[in-house]
PDB file of N, CA and C in Angstrom:
ATOM      1  N   MET A   1      61.283  82.609 -73.031  1.00  0.00           N
ATOM      2  CA  MET A   1      61.811  82.774 -74.362  1.00  0.00           C
ATOM      3  C   MET A   1      62.557  81.531 -74.809  1.00  0.00           C
ATOM      4  N   LYS A   2      63.162  80.834 -73.876  1.00  0.00           N
ATOM      5  CA  LYS A   2      63.906  79.635 -74.222  1.00  0.00           C
ATOM      6  C   LYS A   2      62.977  78.542 -74.747  1.00  0.00           C
ATOM      7  N   LEU A   3      61.734  78.514 -74.249  1.00  0.00           N
ATOM      8  CA  LEU A   3      60.772  77.519 -74.698  1.00  0.00           C
ATOM      9  C   LEU A   3      60.474  77.676 -76.188  1.00  0.00           C
ATOM     10  N   LEU A   4      60.338  78.907 -76.662  1.00  0.00           N
ATOM     11  CA  LEU A   4      60.059  79.141 -78.072  1.00  0.00           C
ATOM     12  C   LEU A   4      61.216  78.716 -78.964  1.00  0.00           C
ATOM     13  N   GLN A   5      62.410  78.754 -78.459  1.00  0.00           N
ATOM     14  CA  GLN A   5      63.569  78.371 -79.257  1.00  0.00           C
ATOM     15  C   GLN A   5      63.705  76.863 -79.368  1.00  0.00           C
ATOM     16  N   THR A   6      63.126  76.109 -78.445  1.00  0.00           N
ATOM     17  CA  THR A   6      63.285  74.661 -78.470  1.00  0.00           C
ATOM     18  C   THR A   6      62.158  73.950 -79.206  1.00  0.00           C
ATOM     19  N   ILE A   7      61.007  74.589 -79.379  1.00  0.00           N
ATOM     20  CA  ILE A   7      59.888  73.960 -80.068  1.00  0.00           C
ATOM     21  C   ILE A   7      59.958  74.309 -81.551  1.00  0.00           C
ATOM     22  N   PRO A   8      60.132  73.298 -82.412  1.00  0.00           N
ATOM     23  CA  PRO A   8      60.183  73.594 -83.844  1.00  0.00           C
ATOM     24  C   PRO A   8      58.794  73.962 -84.374  1.00  0.00           C
ATOM     25  N   LEU A   9      58.757  74.850 -85.322  1.00  0.00           N
ATOM     26  CA  LEU A   9      57.505  75.278 -85.935  1.00  0.00           C
ATOM     27  C   LEU A   9      57.199  74.333 -87.089  1.00  0.00           C
ATOM     28  N   ARG A  10      56.133  73.568 -86.952  1.00  0.00           N
ATOM     29  CA  ARG A  10      55.771  72.603 -87.973  1.00  0.00           C
ATOM     30  C   ARG A  10      55.155  73.314 -89.171  1.00  0.00           C
ATOM     31  N   PRO A  11      55.251  72.723 -90.372  1.00  0.00           N
ATOM     32  CA  PRO A  11      54.730  73.393 -91.574  1.00  0.00           C
ATOM     33  C   PRO A  11      53.244  73.743 -91.496  1.00  0.00           C
ATOM     34  N   CYS A  12      52.430  72.852 -90.955  1.00  0.00           N
ATOM     35  CA  CYS A  12      50.993  73.158 -90.851  1.00  0.00           C
ATOM     36  C   CYS A  12      50.742  74.306 -89.886  1.00  0.00           C
ATOM     37  N   THR A  13      51.515  74.364 -88.820  1.00  0.00           N
ATOM     38  CA  THR A  13      51.362  75.459 -87.863  1.00  0.00           C
ATOM     39  C   THR A  13      51.783  76.774 -88.497  1.00  0.00           C
ATOM     40  N   ALA A  14      52.888  76.751 -89.226  1.00  0.00           N
ATOM     41  CA  ALA A  14      53.352  77.969 -89.899  1.00  0.00           C
ATOM     42  C   ALA A  14      52.335  78.433 -90.937  1.00  0.00           C
ATOM     43  N   SER A  15      51.796  77.505 -91.725  1.00  0.00           N
ATOM     44  CA  SER A  15      50.814  77.906 -92.733  1.00  0.00           C
ATOM     45  C   SER A  15      49.528  78.402 -92.075  1.00  0.00           C
ATOM     46  N   TRP A  16      49.153  77.826 -90.933  1.00  0.00           N
ATOM     47  CA  TRP A  16      47.978  78.302 -90.210  1.00  0.00           C
ATOM     48  C   TRP A  16      48.188  79.739 -89.738  1.00  0.00           C
ATOM     49  N   LEU A  17      49.378  80.038 -89.239  1.00  0.00           N
ATOM     50  CA  LEU A  17      49.676  81.407 -88.810  1.00  0.00           C
ATOM     51  C   LEU A  17      49.640  82.370 -89.991  1.00  0.00           C
ATOM     52  N   VAL A  18      50.161  81.940 -91.137  1.00  0.00           N
ATOM     53  CA  VAL A  18      50.104  82.771 -92.345  1.00  0.00           C
ATOM     54  C   VAL A  18      48.649  82.977 -92.760  1.00  0.00           C
ATOM     55  N   LEU A  19      47.842  81.916 -92.692  1.00  0.00           N
ATOM     56  CA  LEU A  19      46.423  82.039 -93.025  1.00  0.00           C
ATOM     57  C   LEU A  19      45.712  83.025 -92.100  1.00  0.00           C
ATOM     58  N   LEU A  20      46.047  82.997 -90.823  1.00  0.00           N
ATOM     59  CA  LEU A  20      45.462  83.968 -89.890  1.00  0.00           C
ATOM     60  C   LEU A  20      45.829  85.397 -90.278  1.00  0.00           C
ATOM     61  N   GLY A  21      47.099  85.601 -90.610  1.00  0.00           N
ATOM     62  CA  GLY A  21      47.535  86.936 -91.015  1.00  0.00           C
ATOM     63  C   GLY A  21      46.864  87.397 -92.298  1.00  0.00           C
ATOM     64  N   LEU A  22      46.790  86.505 -93.287  1.00  0.00           N
ATOM     65  CA  LEU A  22      46.148  86.864 -94.552  1.00  0.00           C
ATOM     66  C   LEU A  22      44.652  87.113 -94.376  1.00  0.00           C
ATOM     67  N   THR A  23      44.019  86.351 -93.504  1.00  0.00           N
ATOM     68  CA  THR A  23      42.596  86.570 -93.234  1.00  0.00           C
ATOM     69  C   THR A  23      42.373  87.938 -92.603  1.00  0.00           C
ATOM     70  N   THR A  24      43.242  88.320 -91.692  1.00  0.00           N
ATOM     71  CA  THR A  24      43.139  89.641 -91.072  1.00  0.00           C
ATOM     72  C   THR A  24      43.317  90.740 -92.114  1.00  0.00           C
ATOM     73  N   ILE A  25      44.290  90.560 -92.994  1.00  0.00           N
ATOM     74  CA  ILE A  25      44.538  91.561 -94.040  1.00  0.00           C
ATOM     75  C   ILE A  25      43.347  91.662 -94.983  1.00  0.00           C
ATOM     76  N   THR A  26      42.809  90.518 -95.428  1.00  0.00           N
ATOM     77  CA  THR A  26      41.670  90.561 -96.348  1.00  0.00           C
ATOM     78  C   THR A  26      40.433  91.154 -95.678  1.00  0.00           C
ATOM     79  N   PHE A  27      40.257  90.884 -94.389  1.00  0.00           N
ATOM     80  CA  PHE A  27      39.127  91.485 -93.671  1.00  0.00           C
ATOM     81  C   PHE A  27      39.265  93.000 -93.636  1.00  0.00           C
ATOM     82  N   GLU A  28      40.450  93.479 -93.314  1.00  0.00           N
ATOM     83  CA  GLU A  28      40.662  94.927 -93.245  1.00  0.00           C
ATOM     84  C   GLU A  28      40.505  95.574 -94.620  1.00  0.00           C
ATOM     85  N   LEU A  29      41.033  94.937 -95.661  1.00  0.00           N
ATOM     86  CA  LEU A  29      40.886  95.493 -97.006  1.00  0.00           C
ATOM     87  C   LEU A  29      39.427  95.497 -97.444  1.00  0.00           C
ATOM     88  N   GLY A  30      38.715  94.413 -97.153  1.00  0.00           N
ATOM     89  CA  GLY A  30      37.318  94.316 -97.549  1.00  0.00           C
ATOM     90  C   GLY A  30      36.403  95.231 -96.763  1.00  0.00           C
ATOM     91  N   SER A  31      36.821  95.647 -95.579  1.00  0.00           N
ATOM     92  CA  SER A  31      35.998  96.531 -94.747  1.00  0.00           C
ATOM     93  C   SER A  31      36.030  97.971 -95.233  1.00  0.00           C
ATOM     94  N   ASN A  32      37.047  98.325 -95.980  1.00  0.00           N
ATOM     95  CA  ASN A  32      37.161  99.693 -96.488  1.00  0.00           C
ATOM     96  C   ASN A  32      36.164  99.910 -97.616  1.00  0.00           C
ATOM     97  N   ALA A  33      36.093 101.143 -98.088  1.00  0.00           N
ATOM     98  CA  ALA A  33      35.209 101.464 -99.205  1.00  0.00           C
ATOM     99  C   ALA A  33      35.582 100.590-100.404  1.00  0.00           C
ATOM    100  N   PRO A  34      34.605  99.899-100.968  1.00  0.00           N
ATOM    101  CA  PRO A  34      34.925  98.967-102.054  1.00  0.00           C
ATOM    102  C   PRO A  34      35.397  99.690-103.313  1.00  0.00           C
ATOM    103  N   SER A  35      36.430  99.180-103.869  1.00  0.00           N
ATOM    104  CA  SER A  35      36.907  99.639-105.167  1.00  0.00           C
ATOM    105  C   SER A  35      37.410  98.416-105.915  1.00  0.00           C
ATOM    106  N   GLN A  36      37.591  98.549-107.202  1.00  0.00           N
ATOM    107  CA  GLN A  36      38.022  97.398-107.996  1.00  0.00           C
ATOM    108  C   GLN A  36      39.424  96.954-107.617  1.00  0.00           C
ATOM    109  N   VAL A  37      40.286  97.892-107.285  1.00  0.00           N
ATOM    110  CA  VAL A  37      41.659  97.538-106.917  1.00  0.00           C
ATOM    111  C   VAL A  37      41.679  96.783-105.592  1.00  0.00           C
ATOM    112  N   LEU A  38      40.921  97.266-104.611  1.00  0.00           N
ATOM    113  CA  LEU A  38      40.868  96.578-103.321  1.00  0.00           C
ATOM    114  C   LEU A  38      40.252  95.192-103.450  1.00  0.00           C
ATOM    115  N   MET A  39      39.202  95.078-104.243  1.00  0.00           N
ATOM    116  CA  MET A  39      38.577  93.767-104.410  1.00  0.00           C
ATOM    117  C   MET A  39      39.503  92.803-105.153  1.00  0.00           C
ATOM    118  N   ALA A  40      40.293  93.315-106.082  1.00  0.00           N
ATOM    119  CA  ALA A  40      41.276  92.467-106.761  1.00  0.00           C
ATOM    120  C   ALA A  40      42.332  91.983-105.776  1.00  0.00           C
ATOM    121  N   ALA A  41      42.742  92.869-104.875  1.00  0.00           N
ATOM    122  CA  ALA A  41      43.725  92.477-103.860  1.00  0.00           C
ATOM    123  C   ALA A  41      43.141  91.440-102.909  1.00  0.00           C
ATOM    124  N   VAL A  42      41.894  91.631-102.500  1.00  0.00           N
ATOM    125  CA  VAL A  42      41.235  90.663-101.619  1.00  0.00           C
ATOM    126  C   VAL A  42      41.112  89.317-102.320  1.00  0.00           C
ATOM    127  N   LEU A  43      40.728  89.332-103.582  1.00  0.00           N
ATOM    128  CA  LEU A  43      40.589  88.086-104.335  1.00  0.00           C
ATOM    129  C   LEU A  43      41.934  87.394-104.513  1.00  0.00           C
ATOM    130  N   ALA A  44      42.979  88.151-104.790  1.00  0.00           N
ATOM    131  CA  ALA A  44      44.314  87.559-104.941  1.00  0.00           C
ATOM    132  C   ALA A  44      44.785  86.928-103.632  1.00  0.00           C
ATOM    133  N   LEU A  45      44.575  87.622-102.530  1.00  0.00           N
ATOM    134  CA  LEU A  45      44.955  87.056-101.233  1.00  0.00           C
ATOM    135  C   LEU A  45      44.138  85.812-100.904  1.00  0.00           C
ATOM    136  N   THR A  46      42.884  85.809-101.301  1.00  0.00           N
ATOM    137  CA  THR A  46      42.042  84.636-101.077  1.00  0.00           C
ATOM    138  C   THR A  46      42.534  83.448-101.889  1.00  0.00           C
ATOM    139  N   LEU A  47      42.998  83.690-103.102  1.00  0.00           N
ATOM    140  CA  LEU A  47      43.546  82.601-103.917  1.00  0.00           C
ATOM    141  C   LEU A  47      44.841  82.062-103.313  1.00  0.00           C
ATOM    142  N   VAL A  48      45.652  82.940-102.749  1.00  0.00           N
ATOM    143  CA  VAL A  48      46.868  82.493-102.056  1.00  0.00           C
ATOM    144  C   VAL A  48      46.490  81.637-100.853  1.00  0.00           C
ATOM    145  N   LYS A  49      45.477  82.067-100.118  1.00  0.00           N
ATOM    146  CA  LYS A  49      45.014  81.284 -98.973  1.00  0.00           C
ATOM    147  C   LYS A  49      44.504  79.917 -99.422  1.00  0.00           C
ATOM    148  N   GLY A  50      43.778  79.880-100.520  1.00  0.00           N
ATOM    149  CA  GLY A  50      43.292  78.606-101.043  1.00  0.00           C
ATOM    150  C   GLY A  50      44.426  77.680-101.415  1.00  0.00           C
ATOM    151  N   GLN A  51      45.471  78.233-102.011  1.00  0.00           N
ATOM    152  CA  GLN A  51      46.626  77.413-102.379  1.00  0.00           C
ATOM    153  C   GLN A  51      47.341  76.880-101.139  1.00  0.00           C
ATOM    154  N   LEU A  52      47.410  77.674-100.089  1.00  0.00           N
ATOM    155  CA  LEU A  52      47.998  77.189 -98.833  1.00  0.00           C
ATOM    156  C   LEU A  52      47.190  76.034 -98.249  1.00  0.00           C
ATOM    157  N   VAL A  53      45.876  76.154 -98.291  1.00  0.00           N
ATOM    158  CA  VAL A  53      45.022  75.074 -97.788  1.00  0.00           C
ATOM    159  C   VAL A  53      45.222  73.814 -98.617  1.00  0.00           C
ATOM    160  N   VAL A  54      45.262  73.971 -99.933  1.00  0.00           N
ATOM    161  CA  VAL A  54      45.469  72.816-100.818  1.00  0.00           C
ATOM    162  C   VAL A  54      46.817  72.168-100.539  1.00  0.00           C
ATOM    163  N   SER A  55      47.843  72.957-100.400  1.00  0.00           N
ATOM    164  CA  SER A  55      49.191  72.409-100.239  1.00  0.00           C
ATOM    165  C   SER A  55      49.410  71.754 -98.890  1.00  0.00           C
ATOM    166  N   TYR A  56      49.020  72.425 -97.825  1.00  0.00           N
ATOM    167  CA  TYR A  56      49.390  71.949 -96.495  1.00  0.00           C
ATOM    168  C   TYR A  56      48.296  71.151 -95.789  1.00  0.00           C
ATOM    169  N   PHE A  57      47.048  71.557 -95.922  1.00  0.00           N
ATOM    170  CA  PHE A  57      45.997  70.880 -95.168  1.00  0.00           C
ATOM    171  C   PHE A  57      45.338  69.758 -95.958  1.00  0.00           C
ATOM    172  N   MET A  58      45.348  69.848 -97.284  1.00  0.00           N
ATOM    173  CA  MET A  58      44.841  68.743 -98.094  1.00  0.00           C
ATOM    174  C   MET A  58      45.954  67.763 -98.438  1.00  0.00           C
ATOM    175  N   GLY A  59      47.188  68.135 -98.143  1.00  0.00           N
ATOM    176  CA  GLY A  59      48.312  67.232 -98.338  1.00  0.00           C
ATOM    177  C   GLY A  59      48.756  67.067 -99.776  1.00  0.00           C
ATOM    178  N   LEU A  60      48.519  68.049-100.625  1.00  0.00           N
ATOM    179  CA  LEU A  60      48.903  67.928-102.028  1.00  0.00           C
ATOM    180  C   LEU A  60      50.293  68.488-102.314  1.00  0.00           C
ATOM    181  N   ARG A  61      51.043  68.737-101.276  1.00  0.00           N
ATOM    182  CA  ARG A  61      52.396  69.260-101.459  1.00  0.00           C
ATOM    183  C   ARG A  61      53.321  68.234-102.095  1.00  0.00           C
ATOM    184  N   ARG A  62      53.095  66.974-101.780  1.00  0.00           N
ATOM    185  CA  ARG A  62      54.027  65.931-102.212  1.00  0.00           C
ATOM    186  C   ARG A  62      53.420  64.973-103.232  1.00  0.00           C
ATOM    187  N   VAL A  63      52.416  65.409-103.943  1.00  0.00           N
ATOM    188  CA  VAL A  63      51.826  64.549-104.969  1.00  0.00           C
ATOM    189  C   VAL A  63      52.356  64.955-106.338  1.00  0.00           C
ATOM    190  N   ARG A  64      51.940  64.215-107.340  1.00  0.00           N
ATOM    191  CA  ARG A  64      52.397  64.543-108.691  1.00  0.00           C
ATOM    192  C   ARG A  64      51.942  65.953-109.080  1.00  0.00           C
ATOM    193  N   PRO A  65      52.738  66.641-109.880  1.00  0.00           N
ATOM    194  CA  PRO A  65      52.408  68.030-110.240  1.00  0.00           C
ATOM    195  C   PRO A  65      51.053  68.191-110.923  1.00  0.00           C
ATOM    196  N   VAL A  66      50.577  67.164-111.601  1.00  0.00           N
ATOM    197  CA  VAL A  66      49.299  67.295-112.298  1.00  0.00           C
ATOM    198  C   VAL A  66      48.160  67.569-111.320  1.00  0.00           C
ATOM    199  N   TRP A  67      48.192  66.980-110.128  1.00  0.00           N
ATOM    200  CA  TRP A  67      47.138  67.215-109.144  1.00  0.00           C
ATOM    201  C   TRP A  67      47.207  68.625-108.576  1.00  0.00           C
ATOM    202  N   ARG A  68      48.404  69.113-108.383  1.00  0.00           N
ATOM    203  CA  ARG A  68      48.538  70.501-107.918  1.00  0.00           C
ATOM    204  C   ARG A  68      48.058  71.465-108.997  1.00  0.00           C
ATOM    205  N   LEU A  69      48.335  71.128-110.253  1.00  0.00           N
ATOM    206  CA  LEU A  69      47.886  71.959-111.369  1.00  0.00           C
ATOM    207  C   LEU A  69      46.360  71.962-111.470  1.00  0.00           C
ATOM    208  N   VAL A  70      45.744  70.805-111.265  1.00  0.00           N
ATOM    209  CA  VAL A  70      44.278  70.723-111.296  1.00  0.00           C
ATOM    210  C   VAL A  70      43.676  71.631-110.227  1.00  0.00           C
ATOM    211  N   MET A  71      44.210  71.570-109.028  1.00  0.00           N
ATOM    212  CA  MET A  71      43.670  72.403-107.949  1.00  0.00           C
ATOM    213  C   MET A  71      43.953  73.888-108.185  1.00  0.00           C
ATOM    214  N   ALA A  72      45.122  74.204-108.733  1.00  0.00           N
ATOM    215  CA  ALA A  72      45.425  75.604-109.044  1.00  0.00           C
ATOM    216  C   ALA A  72      44.479  76.123-110.127  1.00  0.00           C
ATOM    217  N   ALA A  73      44.192  75.290-111.125  1.00  0.00           N
ATOM    218  CA  ALA A  73      43.252  75.686-112.174  1.00  0.00           C
ATOM    219  C   ALA A  73      41.850  75.877-111.604  1.00  0.00           C
ATOM    220  N   TYR A  74      41.464  75.003-110.686  1.00  0.00           N
ATOM    221  CA  TYR A  74      40.159  75.138-110.038  1.00  0.00           C
ATOM    222  C   TYR A  74      40.073  76.459-109.268  1.00  0.00           C
ATOM    223  N   LEU A  75      41.098  76.758-108.487  1.00  0.00           N
ATOM    224  CA  LEU A  75      41.099  78.009-107.726  1.00  0.00           C
ATOM    225  C   LEU A  75      41.076  79.219-108.657  1.00  0.00           C
ATOM    226  N   ALA A  76      41.831  79.148-109.753  1.00  0.00           N
ATOM    227  CA  ALA A  76      41.849  80.251-110.712  1.00  0.00           C
ATOM    228  C   ALA A  76      40.486  80.411-111.383  1.00  0.00           C
ATOM    229  N   ALA A  77      39.835  79.294-111.713  1.00  0.00           N
ATOM    230  CA  ALA A  77      38.516  79.365-112.348  1.00  0.00           C
ATOM    231  C   ALA A  77      37.484  79.972-111.401  1.00  0.00           C
ATOM    232  N   VAL A  78      37.473  79.525-110.169  1.00  0.00           N
ATOM    233  CA  VAL A  78      36.526  80.078-109.189  1.00  0.00           C
ATOM    234  C   VAL A  78      36.816  81.559-108.958  1.00  0.00           C
ATOM    235  N   GLY A  79      38.092  81.904-108.814  1.00  0.00           N
ATOM    236  CA  GLY A  79      38.457  83.308-108.639  1.00  0.00           C
ATOM    237  C   GLY A  79      38.065  84.154-109.841  1.00  0.00           C
ATOM    238  N   GLY A  80      38.262  83.606-111.027  1.00  0.00           N
ATOM    239  CA  GLY A  80      37.870  84.328-112.240  1.00  0.00           C
ATOM    240  C   GLY A  80      36.371  84.546-112.326  1.00  0.00           C
ATOM    241  N   LEU A  81      35.599  83.519-111.974  1.00  0.00           N
ATOM    242  CA  LEU A  81      34.138  83.662-111.988  1.00  0.00           C
ATOM    243  C   LEU A  81      33.661  84.683-110.957  1.00  0.00           C
ATOM    244  N   ILE A  82      34.285  84.691-109.806  1.00  0.00           N
ATOM    245  CA  ILE A  82      33.926  85.686-108.787  1.00  0.00           C
ATOM    246  C   ILE A  82      34.272  87.091-109.279  1.00  0.00           C
ATOM    247  N   ALA A  83      35.429  87.237-109.918  1.00  0.00           N
ATOM    248  CA  ALA A  83      35.824  88.548-110.446  1.00  0.00           C
ATOM    249  C   ALA A  83      34.855  89.021-111.526  1.00  0.00           C
ATOM    250  N   ILE A  84      34.457  88.110-112.408  1.00  0.00           N
ATOM    251  CA  ILE A  84      33.497  88.474-113.459  1.00  0.00           C
ATOM    252  C   ILE A  84      32.166  88.883-112.842  1.00  0.00           C
ATOM    253  N   ALA A  85      31.705  88.126-111.855  1.00  0.00           N
ATOM    254  CA  ALA A  85      30.438  88.462-111.200  1.00  0.00           C
ATOM    255  C   ALA A  85      30.523  89.823-110.513  1.00  0.00           C
ATOM    256  N   TYR A  86      31.660  90.118-109.904  1.00  0.00           N
ATOM    257  CA  TYR A  86      31.818  91.402-109.217  1.00  0.00           C
ATOM    258  C   TYR A  86      31.849  92.553-110.219  1.00  0.00           C
ATOM    259  N   LEU A  87      32.564  92.358-111.322  1.00  0.00           N
ATOM    260  CA  LEU A  87      32.710  93.442-112.292  1.00  0.00           C
ATOM    261  C   LEU A  87      31.433  93.704-113.080  1.00  0.00           C
ATOM    262  N   THR A  88      30.606  92.688-113.268  1.00  0.00           N
ATOM    263  CA  THR A  88      29.384  92.887-114.051  1.00  0.00           C
ATOM    264  C   THR A  88      28.182  93.279-113.191  1.00  0.00           C
ATOM    265  N   ALA A  89      28.339  93.251-111.889  1.00  0.00           N
ATOM    266  CA  ALA A  89      27.201  93.597-111.009  1.00  0.00           C
ATOM    267  C   ALA A  89      27.061  95.090-110.850  1.00  0.00           C
TER     268      ALA A  89
END
């Protein structure tokens, strides 16, 4: 237990652990009987995961806000298109 207290948790490691947890949650939600509410929750969690990847693994945490806004708009557009495709199918 003392070893865990001495090793600092780096931001990429913490975000990776969060991504693992969110992936498990989205898998469990998606495995259930599909409904619009569950699919909206899965899509929202997927967008959060995408933002974590953009921020921590692509290194856009410390860039000008315009680049973060561009990536957030991209994720929102892709998520919106997926939602439209799901709702119209």
